[in-house]
Structures are given as C-alpha cells and as structure tokens.
C-alpha cells in the first residue's frame, strides 16, 4: 500500500468533473482538485490508466500529478483548518 497525493489542473469542465468522480473512488478529496489516496500498487496503476483516458494530454493546461509520500512524510503532515488529516487504513511500508 502506498500514500499518494493526486493533484490535477483540467481546463474543461466536463473532463474535470469526470476526473473528480473517478478519484472519489480511490481517495478523499481534501480540496476540489487535490486527493489523498491510500491505495495498492495495482489500484494506483489502474487509477493512472483511467485518468489518462479522461484527460487531454495535448491540451497546454491539462495535467495530473502524483506525489508519493513515504511514511515519514505522511507522519509530518501539518493541517490548519477544520479538516483533520486522516488515513483510512494503517500505513505500511513494504
């Protein structure tokens, strides 16, 4: 299992909404275009395939970024505001 922060910038409303809906099945939206995902390697590969089909890689603005966070990085996340940082499953490094 791995913890991945996914961010996206998609100009087209329809594509952006579709990407958001797919990501809701893999993680928690912490901002509209930012998701925290605790997923397996297989799920991560599937997520990337699904999102790549939905975005327009030729569009100058469309981009999706995947930040892999190690256990130490996840434990050092600071949050200001009303939404606490939560991991739905125990974090394990294999």
PDB file of N, CA and C in Angstrom:
ATOM      1  N   UNK A   1       0.850  -1.186   0.000  1.00  0.00           N
ATOM      2  CA  UNK A   1       0.000   0.000   0.000  1.00  0.00           C
ATOM      3  C   UNK A   1       0.887   1.238   0.000  1.00  0.00           C
ATOM      4  N   UNK A   2       0.389   2.258  -0.608  1.00  0.00           N
ATOM      5  CA  UNK A   2       1.138   3.497  -0.667  1.00  0.00           C
ATOM      6  C   UNK A   2       0.197   4.690  -0.502  1.00  0.00           C
ATOM      7  N   UNK A   3       0.760   5.777  -0.029  1.00  0.00           N
ATOM      8  CA  UNK A   3       0.009   7.003   0.158  1.00  0.00           C
ATOM      9  C   UNK A   3       0.412   7.956  -0.958  1.00  0.00           C
ATOM     10  N   UNK A   4      -0.571   8.384  -1.751  1.00  0.00           N
ATOM     11  CA  UNK A   4      -0.295   9.240  -2.898  1.00  0.00           C
ATOM     12  C   UNK A   4      -1.196  10.459  -2.839  1.00  0.00           C
ATOM     13  N   UNK A   5      -0.603  11.613  -3.014  1.00  0.00           N
ATOM     14  CA  UNK A   5      -1.343  12.858  -3.141  1.00  0.00           C
ATOM     15  C   UNK A   5      -1.508  13.122  -4.631  1.00  0.00           C
ATOM     16  N   UNK A   6      -2.748  13.225  -5.092  1.00  0.00           N
ATOM     17  CA  UNK A   6      -3.026  13.448  -6.507  1.00  0.00           C
ATOM     18  C   UNK A   6      -3.595  14.847  -6.670  1.00  0.00           C
ATOM     19  N   UNK A   7      -2.997  15.602  -7.575  1.00  0.00           N
ATOM     20  CA  UNK A   7      -3.495  16.943  -7.887  1.00  0.00           C
ATOM     21  C   UNK A   7      -3.744  17.019  -9.383  1.00  0.00           C
ATOM     22  N   UNK A   8      -4.693  17.842  -9.767  1.00  0.00           N
ATOM     23  CA  UNK A   8      -4.946  17.979 -11.204  1.00  0.00           C
ATOM     24  C   UNK A   8      -5.365  19.398 -11.533  1.00  0.00           C
ATOM     25  N   UNK A   9      -5.058  19.777 -12.767  1.00  0.00           N
ATOM     26  CA  UNK A   9      -5.465  21.062 -13.320  1.00  0.00           C
ATOM     27  C   UNK A   9      -6.017  20.760 -14.709  1.00  0.00           C
ATOM     28  N   UNK A  10      -7.319  20.783 -14.840  1.00  0.00           N
ATOM     29  CA  UNK A  10      -8.003  20.441 -16.085  1.00  0.00           C
ATOM     30  C   UNK A  10      -8.908  21.614 -16.446  1.00  0.00           C
ATOM     31  N   UNK A  11      -8.714  22.168 -17.622  1.00  0.00           N
ATOM     32  CA  UNK A  11      -9.467  23.362 -18.005  1.00  0.00           C
ATOM     33  C   UNK A  11     -10.926  23.074 -18.350  1.00  0.00           C
ATOM     34  N   UNK A  12     -11.188  21.981 -19.026  1.00  0.00           N
ATOM     35  CA  UNK A  12     -12.529  21.664 -19.487  1.00  0.00           C
ATOM     36  C   UNK A  12     -13.384  21.152 -18.323  1.00  0.00           C
ATOM     37  N   UNK A  13     -14.552  21.763 -18.120  1.00  0.00           N
ATOM     38  CA  UNK A  13     -15.431  21.396 -17.001  1.00  0.00           C
ATOM     39  C   UNK A  13     -15.848  19.930 -17.047  1.00  0.00           C
ATOM     40  N   UNK A  14     -16.197  19.439 -18.209  1.00  0.00           N
ATOM     41  CA  UNK A  14     -16.662  18.061 -18.334  1.00  0.00           C
ATOM     42  C   UNK A  14     -15.563  17.061 -17.978  1.00  0.00           C
ATOM     43  N   UNK A  15     -14.361  17.269 -18.526  1.00  0.00           N
ATOM     44  CA  UNK A  15     -13.242  16.381 -18.215  1.00  0.00           C
ATOM     45  C   UNK A  15     -12.875  16.472 -16.737  1.00  0.00           C
ATOM     46  N   UNK A  16     -12.876  17.695 -16.198  1.00  0.00           N
ATOM     47  CA  UNK A  16     -12.530  17.897 -14.786  1.00  0.00           C
ATOM     48  C   UNK A  16     -13.515  17.177 -13.871  1.00  0.00           C
ATOM     49  N   UNK A  17     -14.794  17.246 -14.167  1.00  0.00           N
ATOM     50  CA  UNK A  17     -15.812  16.570 -13.360  1.00  0.00           C
ATOM     51  C   UNK A  17     -15.651  15.060 -13.426  1.00  0.00           C
ATOM     52  N   UNK A  18     -15.365  14.527 -14.598  1.00  0.00           N
ATOM     53  CA  UNK A  18     -15.164  13.082 -14.741  1.00  0.00           C
ATOM     54  C   UNK A  18     -13.953  12.618 -13.939  1.00  0.00           C
ATOM     55  N   UNK A  19     -12.877  13.371 -13.996  1.00  0.00           N
ATOM     56  CA  UNK A  19     -11.662  13.030 -13.246  1.00  0.00           C
ATOM     57  C   UNK A  19     -11.950  13.063 -11.748  1.00  0.00           C
ATOM     58  N   UNK A  20     -12.669  14.080 -11.304  1.00  0.00           N
ATOM     59  CA  UNK A  20     -13.030  14.190  -9.891  1.00  0.00           C
ATOM     60  C   UNK A  20     -13.842  12.973  -9.437  1.00  0.00           C
ATOM     61  N   UNK A  21     -14.800  12.546 -10.246  1.00  0.00           N
ATOM     62  CA  UNK A  21     -15.637  11.396  -9.894  1.00  0.00           C
ATOM     63  C   UNK A  21     -14.814  10.110  -9.801  1.00  0.00           C
ATOM     64  N   UNK A  22     -13.876   9.919 -10.706  1.00  0.00           N
ATOM     65  CA  UNK A  22     -13.023   8.722 -10.646  1.00  0.00           C
ATOM     66  C   UNK A  22     -12.187   8.750  -9.372  1.00  0.00           C
ATOM     67  N   UNK A  23     -11.589   9.879  -9.072  1.00  0.00           N
ATOM     68  CA  UNK A  23     -10.730   9.979  -7.890  1.00  0.00           C
ATOM     69  C   UNK A  23     -11.499   9.748  -6.598  1.00  0.00           C
ATOM     70  N   UNK A  24     -12.775  10.109  -6.551  1.00  0.00           N
ATOM     71  CA  UNK A  24     -13.579   9.870  -5.350  1.00  0.00           C
ATOM     72  C   UNK A  24     -13.648   8.390  -5.014  1.00  0.00           C
ATOM     73  N   UNK A  25     -13.468   7.521  -5.999  1.00  0.00           N
ATOM     74  CA  UNK A  25     -13.479   6.095  -5.764  1.00  0.00           C
ATOM     75  C   UNK A  25     -12.156   5.556  -5.237  1.00  0.00           C
ATOM     76  N   UNK A  26     -11.133   6.394  -5.205  1.00  0.00           N
ATOM     77  CA  UNK A  26      -9.800   5.957  -4.792  1.00  0.00           C
ATOM     78  C   UNK A  26      -9.271   6.665  -3.548  1.00  0.00           C
ATOM     79  N   UNK A  27      -9.850   7.810  -3.226  1.00  0.00           N
ATOM     80  CA  UNK A  27      -9.297   8.559  -2.104  1.00  0.00           C
ATOM     81  C   UNK A  27     -10.271   9.586  -1.562  1.00  0.00           C
ATOM     82  N   UNK A  28      -9.717  10.503  -0.780  1.00  0.00           N
ATOM     83  CA  UNK A  28     -10.500  11.537  -0.107  1.00  0.00           C
ATOM     84  C   UNK A  28     -10.138  12.897  -0.694  1.00  0.00           C
ATOM     85  N   UNK A  29     -11.161  13.648  -1.094  1.00  0.00           N
ATOM     86  CA  UNK A  29     -10.926  14.996  -1.602  1.00  0.00           C
ATOM     87  C   UNK A  29     -10.634  15.924  -0.431  1.00  0.00           C
ATOM     88  N   UNK A  30      -9.460  16.530  -0.424  1.00  0.00           N
ATOM     89  CA  UNK A  30      -9.124  17.489   0.628  1.00  0.00           C
ATOM     90  C   UNK A  30      -9.259  18.915   0.114  1.00  0.00           C
ATOM     91  N   UNK A  31      -9.268  19.078  -1.183  1.00  0.00           N
ATOM     92  CA  UNK A  31      -9.650  20.288  -1.884  1.00  0.00           C
ATOM     93  C   UNK A  31     -10.260  19.791  -3.186  1.00  0.00           C
ATOM     94  N   UNK A  32     -10.902  20.653  -3.952  1.00  0.00           N
ATOM     95  CA  UNK A  32     -11.596  20.131  -5.131  1.00  0.00           C
ATOM     96  C   UNK A  32     -10.640  19.385  -6.065  1.00  0.00           C
ATOM     97  N   UNK A  33      -9.463  19.874  -6.270  1.00  0.00           N
ATOM     98  CA  UNK A  33      -8.549  19.227  -7.217  1.00  0.00           C
ATOM     99  C   UNK A  33      -7.358  18.560  -6.531  1.00  0.00           C
ATOM    100  N   UNK A  34      -7.530  18.181  -5.263  1.00  0.00           N
ATOM    101  CA  UNK A  34      -6.464  17.509  -4.508  1.00  0.00           C
ATOM    102  C   UNK A  34      -7.071  16.329  -3.748  1.00  0.00           C
ATOM    103  N   UNK A  35      -6.500  15.152  -3.966  1.00  0.00           N
ATOM    104  CA  UNK A  35      -6.976  13.932  -3.308  1.00  0.00           C
ATOM    105  C   UNK A  35      -5.840  13.253  -2.570  1.00  0.00           C
ATOM    106  N   UNK A  36      -6.160  12.711  -1.395  1.00  0.00           N
ATOM    107  CA  UNK A  36      -5.233  11.862  -0.652  1.00  0.00           C
ATOM    108  C   UNK A  36      -5.704  10.422  -0.855  1.00  0.00           C
ATOM    109  N   UNK A  37      -4.817   9.598  -1.388  1.00  0.00           N
ATOM    110  CA  UNK A  37      -5.185   8.221  -1.725  1.00  0.00           C
ATOM    111  C   UNK A  37      -4.245   7.247  -1.027  1.00  0.00           C
ATOM    112  N   UNK A  38      -4.799   6.296  -0.311  1.00  0.00           N
ATOM    113  CA  UNK A  38      -4.048   5.206   0.294  1.00  0.00           C
ATOM    114  C   UNK A  38      -4.448   3.965  -0.487  1.00  0.00           C
ATOM    115  N   UNK A  39      -3.607   3.556  -1.447  1.00  0.00           N
ATOM    116  CA  UNK A  39      -4.004   2.529  -2.400  1.00  0.00           C
ATOM    117  C   UNK A  39      -2.885   1.531  -2.661  1.00  0.00           C
ATOM    118  N   UNK A  40      -3.284   0.384  -3.194  1.00  0.00           N
ATOM    119  CA  UNK A  40      -2.320  -0.652  -3.569  1.00  0.00           C
ATOM    120  C   UNK A  40      -1.629  -0.273  -4.875  1.00  0.00           C
ATOM    121  N   UNK A  41      -0.552  -0.978  -5.181  1.00  0.00           N
ATOM    122  CA  UNK A  41       0.162  -0.735  -6.432  1.00  0.00           C
ATOM    123  C   UNK A  41      -0.742  -0.993  -7.639  1.00  0.00           C
ATOM    124  N   UNK A  42      -1.535  -2.044  -7.579  1.00  0.00           N
ATOM    125  CA  UNK A  42      -2.444  -2.365  -8.684  1.00  0.00           C
ATOM    126  C   UNK A  42      -3.514  -1.283  -8.864  1.00  0.00           C
ATOM    127  N   UNK A  43      -4.079  -0.822  -7.748  1.00  0.00           N
ATOM    128  CA  UNK A  43      -5.079   0.249  -7.825  1.00  0.00           C
ATOM    129  C   UNK A  43      -4.466   1.533  -8.380  1.00  0.00           C
ATOM    130  N   UNK A  44      -3.237   1.813  -7.984  1.00  0.00           N
ATOM    131  CA  UNK A  44      -2.560   3.006  -8.489  1.00  0.00           C
ATOM    132  C   UNK A  44      -2.375   2.919 -10.005  1.00  0.00           C
ATOM    133  N   UNK A  45      -1.948   1.765 -10.491  1.00  0.00           N
ATOM    134  CA  UNK A  45      -1.768   1.585 -11.932  1.00  0.00           C
ATOM    135  C   UNK A  45      -3.099   1.754 -12.660  1.00  0.00           C
ATOM    136  N   UNK A  46      -4.166   1.168 -12.106  1.00  0.00           N
ATOM    137  CA  UNK A  46      -5.488   1.304 -12.703  1.00  0.00           C
ATOM    138  C   UNK A  46      -5.990   2.734 -12.688  1.00  0.00           C
ATOM    139  N   UNK A  47      -5.757   3.429 -11.587  1.00  0.00           N
ATOM    140  CA  UNK A  47      -6.159   4.831 -11.479  1.00  0.00           C
ATOM    141  C   UNK A  47      -5.481   5.659 -12.560  1.00  0.00           C
ATOM    142  N   UNK A  48      -4.181   5.484 -12.722  1.00  0.00           N
ATOM    143  CA  UNK A  48      -3.453   6.266 -13.736  1.00  0.00           C
ATOM    144  C   UNK A  48      -3.972   5.974 -15.142  1.00  0.00           C
ATOM    145  N   UNK A  49      -4.252   4.716 -15.439  1.00  0.00           N
ATOM    146  CA  UNK A  49      -4.794   4.371 -16.761  1.00  0.00           C
ATOM    147  C   UNK A  49      -6.146   5.054 -16.982  1.00  0.00           C
ATOM    148  N   UNK A  50      -7.009   4.994 -15.970  1.00  0.00           N
ATOM    149  CA  UNK A  50      -8.342   5.601 -16.103  1.00  0.00           C
ATOM    150  C   UNK A  50      -8.256   7.112 -16.289  1.00  0.00           C
ATOM    151  N   UNK A  51      -7.404   7.766 -15.499  1.00  0.00           N
ATOM    152  CA  UNK A  51      -7.313   9.219 -15.592  1.00  0.00           C
ATOM    153  C   UNK A  51      -6.662   9.669 -16.894  1.00  0.00           C
ATOM    154  N   UNK A  52      -5.699   8.913 -17.367  1.00  0.00           N
ATOM    155  CA  UNK A  52      -5.042   9.269 -18.629  1.00  0.00           C
ATOM    156  C   UNK A  52      -6.037   9.253 -19.783  1.00  0.00           C
ATOM    157  N   UNK A  53      -6.999   8.339 -19.738  1.00  0.00           N
ATOM    158  CA  UNK A  53      -8.021   8.282 -20.778  1.00  0.00           C
ATOM    159  C   UNK A  53      -8.962   9.482 -20.732  1.00  0.00           C
ATOM    160  N   UNK A  54      -9.123  10.074 -19.555  1.00  0.00           N
ATOM    161  CA  UNK A  54     -10.066  11.180 -19.385  1.00  0.00           C
ATOM    162  C   UNK A  54      -9.461  12.547 -19.658  1.00  0.00           C
ATOM    163  N   UNK A  55      -8.163  12.677 -19.479  1.00  0.00           N
ATOM    164  CA  UNK A  55      -7.543  13.987 -19.683  1.00  0.00           C
ATOM    165  C   UNK A  55      -7.169  14.173 -21.146  1.00  0.00           C
ATOM    166  N   UNK A  56      -6.784  15.380 -21.509  1.00  0.00           N
ATOM    167  CA  UNK A  56      -6.307  15.675 -22.858  1.00  0.00           C
ATOM    168  C   UNK A  56      -4.830  16.038 -22.753  1.00  0.00           C
ATOM    169  N   UNK A  57      -3.931  15.064 -22.962  1.00  0.00           N
ATOM    170  CA  UNK A  57      -2.502  15.333 -22.783  1.00  0.00           C
ATOM    171  C   UNK A  57      -1.948  16.360 -23.771  1.00  0.00           C
ATOM    172  N   UNK A  58      -2.686  16.633 -24.840  1.00  0.00           N
ATOM    173  CA  UNK A  58      -2.231  17.632 -25.815  1.00  0.00           C
ATOM    174  C   UNK A  58      -2.638  19.049 -25.420  1.00  0.00           C
ATOM    175  N   UNK A  59      -3.576  19.160 -24.491  1.00  0.00           N
ATOM    176  CA  UNK A  59      -4.032  20.481 -24.046  1.00  0.00           C
ATOM    177  C   UNK A  59      -2.940  21.109 -23.191  1.00  0.00           C
ATOM    178  N   UNK A  60      -2.621  22.383 -23.431  1.00  0.00           N
ATOM    179  CA  UNK A  60      -1.499  23.005 -22.708  1.00  0.00           C
ATOM    180  C   UNK A  60      -1.690  23.143 -21.201  1.00  0.00           C
ATOM    181  N   UNK A  61      -2.910  23.073 -20.711  1.00  0.00           N
ATOM    182  CA  UNK A  61      -3.139  23.248 -19.273  1.00  0.00           C
ATOM    183  C   UNK A  61      -3.357  21.916 -18.562  1.00  0.00           C
ATOM    184  N   UNK A  62      -3.959  20.936 -19.227  1.00  0.00           N
ATOM    185  CA  UNK A  62      -4.300  19.675 -18.567  1.00  0.00           C
ATOM    186  C   UNK A  62      -3.072  18.976 -17.994  1.00  0.00           C
ATOM    187  N   UNK A  63      -3.138  18.679 -16.696  1.00  0.00           N
ATOM    188  CA  UNK A  63      -2.063  17.902 -16.066  1.00  0.00           C
ATOM    189  C   UNK A  63      -2.597  17.237 -14.806  1.00  0.00           C
ATOM    190  N   UNK A  64      -2.036  16.074 -14.523  1.00  0.00           N
ATOM    191  CA  UNK A  64      -2.330  15.345 -13.295  1.00  0.00           C
ATOM    192  C   UNK A  64      -0.984  14.986 -12.688  1.00  0.00           C
ATOM    193  N   UNK A  65      -0.818  15.272 -11.402  1.00  0.00           N
ATOM    194  CA  UNK A  65       0.438  14.993 -10.709  1.00  0.00           C
ATOM    195  C   UNK A  65       0.181  14.009  -9.575  1.00  0.00           C
ATOM    196  N   UNK A  66       1.128  13.102  -9.395  1.00  0.00           N
ATOM    197  CA  UNK A  66       1.043  12.061  -8.378  1.00  0.00           C
ATOM    198  C   UNK A  66       2.260  12.191  -7.466  1.00  0.00           C
ATOM    199  N   UNK A  67       2.043  12.532  -6.224  1.00  0.00           N
ATOM    200  CA  UNK A  67       3.128  12.678  -5.255  1.00  0.00           C
ATOM    201  C   UNK A  67       3.096  11.486  -4.304  1.00  0.00           C
ATOM    202  N   UNK A  68       4.123  10.679  -4.349  1.00  0.00           N
ATOM    203  CA  UNK A  68       4.231   9.511  -3.477  1.00  0.00           C
ATOM    204  C   UNK A  68       4.862   9.959  -2.161  1.00  0.00           C
ATOM    205  N   UNK A  69       4.150   9.750  -1.071  1.00  0.00           N
ATOM    206  CA  UNK A  69       4.645  10.184   0.229  1.00  0.00           C
ATOM    207  C   UNK A  69       5.055   8.983   1.066  1.00  0.00           C
ATOM    208  N   UNK A  70       6.258   9.036   1.588  1.00  0.00           N
ATOM    209  CA  UNK A  70       6.741   7.960   2.456  1.00  0.00           C
ATOM    210  C   UNK A  70       6.087   8.096   3.836  1.00  0.00           C
ATOM    211  N   UNK A  71       6.247   7.065   4.646  1.00  0.00           N
ATOM    212  CA  UNK A  71       5.638   7.069   5.988  1.00  0.00           C
ATOM    213  C   UNK A  71       6.088   8.298   6.790  1.00  0.00           C
ATOM    214  N   UNK A  72       7.371   8.607   6.736  1.00  0.00           N
ATOM    215  CA  UNK A  72       7.883   9.763   7.471  1.00  0.00           C
ATOM    216  C   UNK A  72       7.242  11.062   7.015  1.00  0.00           C
ATOM    217  N   UNK A  73       7.030  11.193   5.714  1.00  0.00           N
ATOM    218  CA  UNK A  73       6.389  12.403   5.182  1.00  0.00           C
ATOM    219  C   UNK A  73       4.933  12.487   5.616  1.00  0.00           C
ATOM    220  N   UNK A  74       4.244  11.359   5.563  1.00  0.00           N
ATOM    221  CA  UNK A  74       2.834  11.336   5.958  1.00  0.00           C
ATOM    222  C   UNK A  74       2.687  11.700   7.430  1.00  0.00           C
ATOM    223  N   UNK A  75       3.590  11.193   8.276  1.00  0.00           N
ATOM    224  CA  UNK A  75       3.522  11.483   9.712  1.00  0.00           C
ATOM    225  C   UNK A  75       3.815  12.942  10.021  1.00  0.00           C
ATOM    226  N   UNK A  76       4.424  13.668   9.078  1.00  0.00           N
ATOM    227  CA  UNK A  76       4.772  15.068   9.304  1.00  0.00           C
ATOM    228  C   UNK A  76       3.811  16.045   8.643  1.00  0.00           C
ATOM    229  N   UNK A  77       2.672  15.576   8.178  1.00  0.00           N
ATOM    230  CA  UNK A  77       1.695  16.459   7.551  1.00  0.00           C
ATOM    231  C   UNK A  77       1.101  17.384   8.613  1.00  0.00           C
ATOM    232  N   UNK A  78       1.121  18.668   8.352  1.00  0.00           N
ATOM    233  CA  UNK A  78       0.503  19.661   9.228  1.00  0.00           C
ATOM    234  C   UNK A  78      -0.754  20.181   8.533  1.00  0.00           C
ATOM    235  N   UNK A  79      -1.834  20.314   9.276  1.00  0.00           N
ATOM    236  CA  UNK A  79      -3.089  20.796   8.718  1.00  0.00           C
ATOM    237  C   UNK A  79      -3.594  21.943   9.574  1.00  0.00           C
ATOM    238  N   UNK A  80      -3.891  23.049   8.943  1.00  0.00           N
ATOM    239  CA  UNK A  80      -4.550  24.173   9.601  1.00  0.00           C
ATOM    240  C   UNK A  80      -5.971  24.234   9.063  1.00  0.00           C
ATOM    241  N   UNK A  81      -6.922  24.432   9.908  1.00  0.00           N
ATOM    242  CA  UNK A  81      -8.304  24.492   9.456  1.00  0.00           C
ATOM    243  C   UNK A  81      -9.144  23.411  10.095  1.00  0.00           C
ATOM    244  N   UNK A  82     -10.312  23.187   9.523  1.00  0.00           N
ATOM    245  CA  UNK A  82     -11.310  22.312  10.133  1.00  0.00           C
ATOM    246  C   UNK A  82     -11.288  20.868   9.662  1.00  0.00           C
ATOM    247  N   UNK A  83     -10.499  20.545   8.634  1.00  0.00           N
ATOM    248  CA  UNK A  83     -10.480  19.177   8.127  1.00  0.00           C
ATOM    249  C   UNK A  83      -9.256  18.453   8.648  1.00  0.00           C
ATOM    250  N   UNK A  84      -9.434  17.519   9.562  1.00  0.00           N
ATOM    251  CA  UNK A  84      -8.277  16.796  10.097  1.00  0.00           C
ATOM    252  C   UNK A  84      -7.674  15.871   9.054  1.00  0.00           C
ATOM    253  N   UNK A  85      -6.408  15.564   9.223  1.00  0.00           N
ATOM    254  CA  UNK A  85      -5.714  14.623   8.358  1.00  0.00           C
ATOM    255  C   UNK A  85      -6.036  13.224   8.832  1.00  0.00           C
ATOM    256  N   UNK A  86      -6.549  12.384   7.942  1.00  0.00           N
ATOM    257  CA  UNK A  86      -6.927  11.028   8.322  1.00  0.00           C
ATOM    258  C   UNK A  86      -6.438  10.045   7.273  1.00  0.00           C
ATOM    259  N   UNK A  87      -6.018   8.885   7.738  1.00  0.00           N
ATOM    260  CA  UNK A  87      -5.700   7.783   6.855  1.00  0.00           C
ATOM    261  C   UNK A  87      -6.669   6.670   7.196  1.00  0.00           C
ATOM    262  N   UNK A  88      -7.422   6.219   6.193  1.00  0.00           N
ATOM    263  CA  UNK A  88      -8.468   5.229   6.445  1.00  0.00           C
ATOM    264  C   UNK A  88      -7.920   3.870   6.842  1.00  0.00           C
ATOM    265  N   UNK A  89      -6.710   3.527   6.406  1.00  0.00           N
ATOM    266  CA  UNK A  89      -6.117   2.238   6.709  1.00  0.00           C
ATOM    267  C   UNK A  89      -4.758   2.453   7.328  1.00  0.00           C
ATOM    268  N   UNK A  90      -4.229   1.449   8.033  1.00  0.00           N
ATOM    269  CA  UNK A  90      -2.892   1.624   8.579  1.00  0.00           C
ATOM    270  C   UNK A  90      -1.865   1.746   7.470  1.00  0.00           C
ATOM    271  N   UNK A  91      -0.905   2.598   7.651  1.00  0.00           N
ATOM    272  CA  UNK A  91       0.130   2.837   6.662  1.00  0.00           C
ATOM    273  C   UNK A  91       1.254   1.850   6.859  1.00  0.00           C
ATOM    274  N   UNK A  92       1.561   1.082   5.830  1.00  0.00           N
ATOM    275  CA  UNK A  92       2.593   0.059   5.931  1.00  0.00           C
ATOM    276  C   UNK A  92       3.583   0.236   4.792  1.00  0.00           C
ATOM    277  N   UNK A  93       4.847   0.217   5.104  1.00  0.00           N
ATOM    278  CA  UNK A  93       5.893   0.268   4.088  1.00  0.00           C
ATOM    279  C   UNK A  93       6.373  -1.160   3.839  1.00  0.00           C
ATOM    280  N   UNK A  94       6.327  -1.589   2.594  1.00  0.00           N
ATOM    281  CA  UNK A  94       6.800  -2.951   2.303  1.00  0.00           C
ATOM    282  C   UNK A  94       8.123  -2.920   1.586  1.00  0.00           C
TER     283      UNK A  94
END
